[in-house]
Each structure stands twice: as C-alpha cells, then as structure tokens.
C-alpha atoms as a PDB file:
ATOM      1  CA  MET A   1      -9.403  31.190 -52.232  1.00  0.00           C
ATOM      2  CA  ARG A   2     -13.191  32.281 -51.159  1.00  0.00           C
ATOM      3  CA  ALA A   3     -11.975  32.361 -47.723  1.00  0.00           C
ATOM      4  CA  TRP A   4      -9.335  34.779 -48.306  1.00  0.00           C
ATOM      5  CA  VAL A   5     -11.631  37.090 -50.240  1.00  0.00           C
ATOM      6  CA  LEU A   6     -14.020  37.070 -47.183  1.00  0.00           C
ATOM      7  CA  ALA A   7     -11.262  37.870 -44.781  1.00  0.00           C
ATOM      8  CA  ALA A   8     -10.240  40.867 -46.764  1.00  0.00           C
ATOM      9  CA  ALA A   9     -13.984  41.756 -47.148  1.00  0.00           C
ATOM     10  CA  LEU A  10     -14.120  41.447 -43.061  1.00  0.00           C
ATOM     11  CA  SER A  11     -11.057  43.559 -42.658  1.00  0.00           C
ATOM     12  CA  ILE A  12     -12.991  46.300 -44.207  1.00  0.00           C
ATOM     13  CA  ALA A  13     -16.323  45.913 -42.436  1.00  0.00           C
ATOM     14  CA  VAL A  14     -14.811  45.637 -38.743  1.00  0.00           C
ATOM     15  CA  PRO A  15     -15.175  48.986 -36.713  1.00  0.00           C
ATOM     16  CA  ALA A  16     -12.315  51.251 -36.794  1.00  0.00           C
ATOM     17  CA  ALA A  17     -11.493  51.005 -33.242  1.00  0.00           C
ATOM     18  CA  ALA A  18     -10.883  47.142 -33.762  1.00  0.00           C
ATOM     19  CA  GLN A  19      -8.267  47.717 -36.516  1.00  0.00           C
ATOM     20  CA  ALA A  20      -4.834  46.691 -36.614  1.00  0.00           C
ATOM     21  CA  ASP A  21      -3.333  50.003 -35.232  1.00  0.00           C
ATOM     22  CA  THR A  22      -3.921  48.687 -31.629  1.00  0.00           C
ATOM     23  CA  VAL A  23      -1.790  45.633 -32.362  1.00  0.00           C
ATOM     24  CA  VAL A  24       1.858  45.433 -32.021  1.00  0.00           C
ATOM     25  CA  VAL A  25       3.393  43.009 -34.694  1.00  0.00           C
ATOM     26  CA  THR A  26       7.310  42.138 -34.593  1.00  0.00           C
ATOM     27  CA  LYS A  27       9.038  39.555 -37.251  1.00  0.00           C
ATOM     28  CA  THR A  28      12.238  37.671 -36.684  1.00  0.00           C
ATOM     29  CA  VAL A  29      13.935  35.476 -39.216  1.00  0.00           C
ATOM     30  CA  GLU A  30      15.429  32.596 -37.474  1.00  0.00           C
ATOM     31  CA  ALA A  31      18.729  31.052 -38.028  1.00  0.00           C
ATOM     32  CA  ASP A  32      16.896  28.145 -40.188  1.00  0.00           C
ATOM     33  CA  ALA A  33      15.363  30.959 -42.301  1.00  0.00           C
ATOM     34  CA  THR A  34      11.763  30.508 -40.923  1.00  0.00           C
ATOM     35  CA  THR A  35       9.946  33.637 -39.677  1.00  0.00           C
ATOM     36  CA  THR A  36       8.403  33.732 -36.348  1.00  0.00           C
ATOM     37  CA  MET A  37       5.817  36.462 -36.176  1.00  0.00           C
ATOM     38  CA  LYS A  38       4.118  37.869 -32.950  1.00  0.00           C
ATOM     39  CA  HIS A  39       1.239  40.008 -32.388  1.00  0.00           C
ATOM     40  CA  GLU A  40       0.398  41.610 -29.180  1.00  0.00           C
ATOM     41  CA  VAL A  41      -2.490  43.719 -27.928  1.00  0.00           C
ATOM     42  CA  LEU A  42      -3.823  44.817 -24.630  1.00  0.00           C
ATOM     43  CA  VAL A  43      -7.604  43.621 -23.940  1.00  0.00           C
ATOM     44  CA  ASP A  44     -10.028  45.329 -21.398  1.00  0.00           C
ATOM     45  CA  ALA A  45     -10.736  42.041 -19.872  1.00  0.00           C
ATOM     46  CA  SER A  46      -9.472  39.788 -17.032  1.00  0.00           C
ATOM     47  CA  PRO A  47      -7.262  36.960 -18.154  1.00  0.00           C
ATOM     48  CA  ALA A  48     -10.090  34.358 -17.172  1.00  0.00           C
ATOM     49  CA  GLU A  49     -12.310  36.203 -19.632  1.00  0.00           C
ATOM     50  CA  VAL A  50      -9.684  36.170 -22.270  1.00  0.00           C
ATOM     51  CA  TRP A  51      -9.056  32.630 -21.560  1.00  0.00           C
ATOM     52  CA  ALA A  52     -12.447  31.557 -22.451  1.00  0.00           C
ATOM     53  CA  ALA A  53     -12.732  33.554 -25.660  1.00  0.00           C
ATOM     54  CA  ILE A  54      -9.409  31.886 -27.185  1.00  0.00           C
ATOM     55  CA  SER A  55      -9.865  28.279 -25.748  1.00  0.00           C
ATOM     56  CA  THR A  56     -13.419  27.330 -26.618  1.00  0.00           C
ATOM     57  CA  ALA A  57     -15.586  27.171 -29.808  1.00  0.00           C
ATOM     58  CA  GLU A  58     -18.116  29.432 -28.325  1.00  0.00           C
ATOM     59  CA  GLY A  59     -15.469  32.068 -27.565  1.00  0.00           C
ATOM     60  CA  TRP A  60     -14.023  32.006 -30.743  1.00  0.00           C
ATOM     61  CA  MET A  61     -17.557  33.031 -32.301  1.00  0.00           C
ATOM     62  CA  GLY A  62     -17.355  36.254 -30.216  1.00  0.00           C
ATOM     63  CA  TRP A  63     -14.422  37.624 -32.041  1.00  0.00           C
ATOM     64  CA  ALA A  64     -12.595  35.256 -34.618  1.00  0.00           C
ATOM     65  CA  VAL A  65     -15.460  33.523 -36.785  1.00  0.00           C
ATOM     66  CA  PRO A  66     -19.181  33.580 -37.188  1.00  0.00           C
ATOM     67  CA  VAL A  67     -19.107  29.737 -36.930  1.00  0.00           C
ATOM     68  CA  ALA A  68     -17.131  27.373 -34.672  1.00  0.00           C
ATOM     69  CA  ARG A  69     -17.675  24.154 -33.160  1.00  0.00           C
ATOM     70  CA  THR A  70     -15.745  21.147 -31.607  1.00  0.00           C
ATOM     71  CA  VAL A  71     -15.268  18.112 -33.754  1.00  0.00           C
ATOM     72  CA  GLY A  72     -16.622  14.635 -32.421  1.00  0.00           C
ATOM     73  CA  GLY A  73     -16.727  15.891 -28.897  1.00  0.00           C
ATOM     74  CA  ASP A  74     -12.837  16.561 -28.693  1.00  0.00           C
ATOM     75  CA  PRO A  75     -12.357  19.977 -27.098  1.00  0.00           C
ATOM     76  CA  ASP A  76      -8.954  20.236 -28.677  1.00  0.00           C
ATOM     77  CA  LEU A  77     -10.088  20.150 -32.412  1.00  0.00           C
ATOM     78  CA  ILE A  78     -12.046  23.042 -33.301  1.00  0.00           C
ATOM     79  CA  GLU A  79     -13.595  23.685 -36.598  1.00  0.00           C
ATOM     80  CA  SER A  80     -14.637  27.100 -37.824  1.00  0.00           C
ATOM     81  CA  GLY A  81     -15.630  28.999 -40.767  1.00  0.00           C
ATOM     82  CA  TYR A  82     -16.178  32.613 -42.151  1.00  0.00           C
ATOM     83  CA  ASP A  83     -19.483  31.593 -43.704  1.00  0.00           C
ATOM     84  CA  PRO A  84     -22.207  31.220 -41.364  1.00  0.00           C
ATOM     85  CA  ALA A  85     -23.833  28.457 -43.329  1.00  0.00           C
ATOM     86  CA  ALA A  86     -20.291  26.353 -43.298  1.00  0.00           C
ATOM     87  CA  LYS A  87     -21.520  22.707 -42.490  1.00  0.00           C
ATOM     88  CA  PRO A  88     -19.514  20.466 -40.261  1.00  0.00           C
ATOM     89  CA  GLY A  89     -16.519  18.774 -42.632  1.00  0.00           C
ATOM     90  CA  GLY A  90     -17.341  21.320 -45.241  1.00  0.00           C
ATOM     91  CA  SER A  91     -14.526  22.191 -47.913  1.00  0.00           C
ATOM     92  CA  ASP A  92     -14.857  25.824 -46.573  1.00  0.00           C
ATOM     93  CA  THR A  93     -14.039  24.901 -42.845  1.00  0.00           C
ATOM     94  CA  ILE A  94     -10.703  25.556 -41.090  1.00  0.00           C
ATOM     95  CA  GLN A  95      -9.724  23.194 -38.161  1.00  0.00           C
ATOM     96  CA  GLN A  96      -7.433  23.878 -35.568  1.00  0.00           C
ATOM     97  CA  ARG A  97      -5.643  21.336 -33.033  1.00  0.00           C
ATOM     98  CA  PHE A  98      -4.877  22.439 -29.568  1.00  0.00           C
ATOM     99  CA  GLY A  99      -1.693  20.792 -28.853  1.00  0.00           C
ATOM    100  CA  ALA A 100      -0.858  22.042 -25.343  1.00  0.00           C
ATOM    101  CA  ARG A 101      -2.978  24.227 -22.573  1.00  0.00           C
ATOM    102  CA  VAL A 102      -1.791  26.098 -19.501  1.00  0.00           C
ATOM    103  CA  PRO A 103      -5.373  27.144 -18.505  1.00  0.00           C
ATOM    104  CA  GLY A 104      -5.352  30.879 -17.882  1.00  0.00           C
ATOM    105  CA  ARG A 105      -1.896  31.396 -19.376  1.00  0.00           C
ATOM    106  CA  SER A 106      -1.197  29.819 -22.810  1.00  0.00           C
ATOM    107  CA  LEU A 107      -2.686  27.805 -25.637  1.00  0.00           C
ATOM    108  CA  ALA A 108      -0.790  26.333 -28.584  1.00  0.00           C
ATOM    109  CA  PHE A 109      -2.303  25.223 -31.698  1.00  0.00           C
ATOM    110  CA  ARG A 110      -1.869  24.307 -35.189  1.00  0.00           C
ATOM    111  CA  THR A 111      -4.131  24.443 -38.408  1.00  0.00           C
ATOM    112  CA  VAL A 112      -4.717  20.904 -39.413  1.00  0.00           C
ATOM    113  CA  LYS A 113      -7.281  21.602 -42.195  1.00  0.00           C
ATOM    114  CA  ALA A 114      -7.509  24.751 -44.269  1.00  0.00           C
ATOM    115  CA  PRO A 115     -10.406  25.697 -46.839  1.00  0.00           C
ATOM    116  CA  ALA A 116     -10.319  24.141 -50.357  1.00  0.00           C
ATOM    117  CA  GLY A 117      -7.757  26.123 -52.414  1.00  0.00           C
ATOM    118  CA  PHE A 118      -6.013  27.824 -49.510  1.00  0.00           C
ATOM    119  CA  PRO A 119      -2.877  28.833 -50.970  1.00  0.00           C
ATOM    120  CA  HIS A 120       0.640  27.551 -49.760  1.00  0.00           C
ATOM    121  CA  TRP A 121      -1.424  24.915 -47.668  1.00  0.00           C
ATOM    122  CA  ASP A 122       1.671  22.624 -47.804  1.00  0.00           C
ATOM    123  CA  GLU A 123       3.735  25.325 -46.003  1.00  0.00           C
ATOM    124  CA  TYR A 124       1.331  26.521 -43.599  1.00  0.00           C
ATOM    125  CA  GLN A 125       0.749  23.259 -42.122  1.00  0.00           C
ATOM    126  CA  LYS A 126       4.325  23.637 -40.679  1.00  0.00           C
ATOM    127  CA  VAL A 127       3.261  26.756 -38.693  1.00  0.00           C
ATOM    128  CA  THR A 128       2.652  26.304 -35.073  1.00  0.00           C
ATOM    129  CA  SER A 129       1.006  29.179 -33.153  1.00  0.00           C
ATOM    130  CA  VAL A 130       0.735  29.902 -29.118  1.00  0.00           C
ATOM    131  CA  PHE A 131      -1.444  32.186 -27.527  1.00  0.00           C
ATOM    132  CA  GLU A 132       0.120  33.774 -24.221  1.00  0.00           C
ATOM    133  CA  ILE A 133      -2.043  35.890 -21.689  1.00  0.00           C
ATOM    134  CA  GLU A 134      -0.852  37.690 -18.790  1.00  0.00           C
ATOM    135  CA  ALA A 135      -2.646  40.211 -16.432  1.00  0.00           C
ATOM    136  CA  ALA A 136      -1.418  43.716 -17.296  1.00  0.00           C
ATOM    137  CA  GLY A 137      -2.720  46.074 -14.420  1.00  0.00           C
ATOM    138  CA  LYS A 138      -6.664  46.222 -15.088  1.00  0.00           C
ATOM    139  CA  GLN A 139      -6.036  44.790 -18.861  1.00  0.00           C
ATOM    140  CA  THR A 140      -4.852  41.544 -20.161  1.00  0.00           C
ATOM    141  CA  ARG A 141      -1.887  41.147 -22.412  1.00  0.00           C
ATOM    142  CA  VAL A 142      -2.638  38.694 -25.424  1.00  0.00           C
ATOM    143  CA  ARG A 143       0.384  37.513 -27.458  1.00  0.00           C
ATOM    144  CA  LEU A 144      -0.052  35.377 -30.296  1.00  0.00           C
ATOM    145  CA  THR A 145       3.328  33.914 -31.475  1.00  0.00           C
ATOM    146  CA  SER A 146       3.371  31.921 -34.904  1.00  0.00           C
ATOM    147  CA  ARG A 147       6.572  30.004 -35.605  1.00  0.00           C
ATOM    148  CA  GLY A 148       7.817  28.067 -38.679  1.00  0.00           C
ATOM    149  CA  TYR A 149       6.889  30.263 -41.659  1.00  0.00           C
ATOM    150  CA  PRO A 150       9.168  28.575 -44.382  1.00  0.00           C
ATOM    151  CA  GLY A 151      11.764  30.807 -45.949  1.00  0.00           C
ATOM    152  CA  SER A 152      10.067  30.448 -49.380  1.00  0.00           C
ATOM    153  CA  ASP A 153       8.229  32.451 -51.664  1.00  0.00           C
ATOM    154  CA  GLY A 154       5.196  30.600 -50.442  1.00  0.00           C
ATOM    155  CA  GLY A 155       6.209  31.219 -46.783  1.00  0.00           C
ATOM    156  CA  ARG A 156       6.804  35.062 -47.177  1.00  0.00           C
ATOM    157  CA  ALA A 157       3.059  35.271 -48.942  1.00  0.00           C
ATOM    158  CA  LEU A 158       1.880  33.788 -45.833  1.00  0.00           C
ATOM    159  CA  VAL A 159       3.509  35.881 -43.663  1.00  0.00           C
ATOM    160  CA  GLY A 160       2.332  38.896 -45.461  1.00  0.00           C
ATOM    161  CA  PHE A 161      -1.187  37.589 -45.387  1.00  0.00           C
ATOM    162  CA  PHE A 162      -1.189  36.494 -41.709  1.00  0.00           C
ATOM    163  CA  GLU A 163       0.537  39.626 -40.615  1.00  0.00           C
ATOM    164  CA  GLY A 164      -2.461  41.660 -41.340  1.00  0.00           C
ATOM    165  CA  GLY A 165      -4.832  38.756 -40.835  1.00  0.00           C
ATOM    166  CA  ASN A 166      -3.887  38.192 -37.422  1.00  0.00           C
ATOM    167  CA  ALA A 167      -3.525  41.844 -36.346  1.00  0.00           C
ATOM    168  CA  MET A 168      -7.253  41.965 -37.654  1.00  0.00           C
ATOM    169  CA  ALA A 169      -8.266  39.082 -35.534  1.00  0.00           C
ATOM    170  CA  LEU A 170      -6.644  40.261 -32.202  1.00  0.00           C
ATOM    171  CA  GLY A 171      -8.075  43.715 -33.117  1.00  0.00           C
ATOM    172  CA  ASN A 172     -11.505  41.781 -33.135  1.00  0.00           C
ATOM    173  CA  LEU A 173     -10.795  40.194 -29.700  1.00  0.00           C
ATOM    174  CA  ARG A 174      -9.847  43.667 -28.227  1.00  0.00           C
ATOM    175  CA  GLN A 175     -12.983  44.988 -29.718  1.00  0.00           C
ATOM    176  CA  ARG A 176     -15.006  41.999 -28.208  1.00  0.00           C
ATOM    177  CA  PHE A 177     -14.442  43.189 -24.834  1.00  0.00           C
ATOM    178  CA  ALA A 178     -14.802  46.740 -25.459  1.00  0.00           C
ATOM    179  CA  THR A 179     -18.165  46.810 -27.010  1.00  0.00           C
ATOM    180  CA  GLY A 180     -19.433  43.069 -27.022  1.00  0.00           C
ATOM    181  CA  PRO A 181     -19.354  40.093 -29.378  1.00  0.00           C
ATOM    182  CA  ILE A 182     -18.969  40.771 -33.042  1.00  0.00           C
ATOM    183  CA  ASP A 183     -22.226  40.774 -34.694  1.00  0.00           C
ATOM    184  CA  TRP A 184     -21.441  38.669 -37.887  1.00  0.00           C
ATOM    185  CA  ALA A 185     -24.778  39.093 -39.427  1.00  0.00           C
ATOM    186  CA  ALA A 186     -24.407  42.852 -39.486  1.00  0.00           C
ATOM    187  CA  MET A 187     -21.261  42.361 -41.447  1.00  0.00           C
ATOM    188  CA  ARG A 188     -23.023  40.545 -44.317  1.00  0.00           C
END
C-alpha cells in the first residue's frame, strides 16, 4: 500500500510539463470482458535513446523509478522501487520480466512481483504490457499497451489506478528527454 501512496505523492511532485495531459489514453473492453489500455506520447528523442531508457535498469532510473537493477545478472528481469533505500529482494520492490524484445521497436513485459500489500495482485499478474517505439519526424512515438485487466471490481480498480499512473510515467519519460533525467532526490 505504501507504494500506492508514494506514487500519488510523486504525481503531485512531477513538473507540470510532465503531467498526463501530454499522454493520450484509450481503453477498450474486449470480447472476453478484459480491458486493454493504451498510453501514447511523443518524445523529443531518437528511437535509440528511447530504447535505452525503456529497456535497461539504468534507463528506468532516468524517468520511471529512483532505483532499478537487474536480478541475478539476468537482463530480462528488472527489480525496481519507489524508495531509493529499497534493498534487493525487499518487500517494497517490484519486478518486471521482459518476455520479448525487438531491439529499437518493442518490448513486452509482465510484472512478476509487486510490493507487499499491493491491491488486487492476483488479478494484476494477468496483465501483459508492450512498449512500442517508432520514429515520428524529429520525435519518437512511444505506445504502452497493457492487455488483460480482468472485468472484475479488482480489474476495474487496477484500470483506474494505472490509467493515471502509466500516464504519469510516460509524462516522466517525455520530461526526461525535455529537461534531463528525473531528480528523484529533489522530489523527497
């Protein structure tokens, strides 16, 4: 639950230019009653720069979280946390498993560990997300598509949370290339 509170606090602390109004969000209820949600933003960077930011632990620390690292030397398993003091394997960390990569174009992942007390974790484990990046003139279009939010009360609560949370994250990604990496220490 602490991670949810910290995420809400970070949304207030993020500079106005990075807020979600620069991110386009669409939601679709699929035939199986699950929800697919897409977040899209234009970033002032090359596809190669965006790829480095979304596909590595070091890149994530510039826009997504203050701490990120690979687990056991596995480049496809990233552990991260909103608390800069988060210890490897700690109860307050998050782990994402990268499932498929097309370098410079797409990255599929699933969250395989959530912080202790994360609401509706049993339902969120079913969600798969894919980053897609493509050149758009002098910018790069970044699309984050998340599929499989269950059509339950818990699934709808998750959609509500991640609709804003993912918009904030992509706003941070956009801001990272506009003004530099997020200064997490200044946000405390």
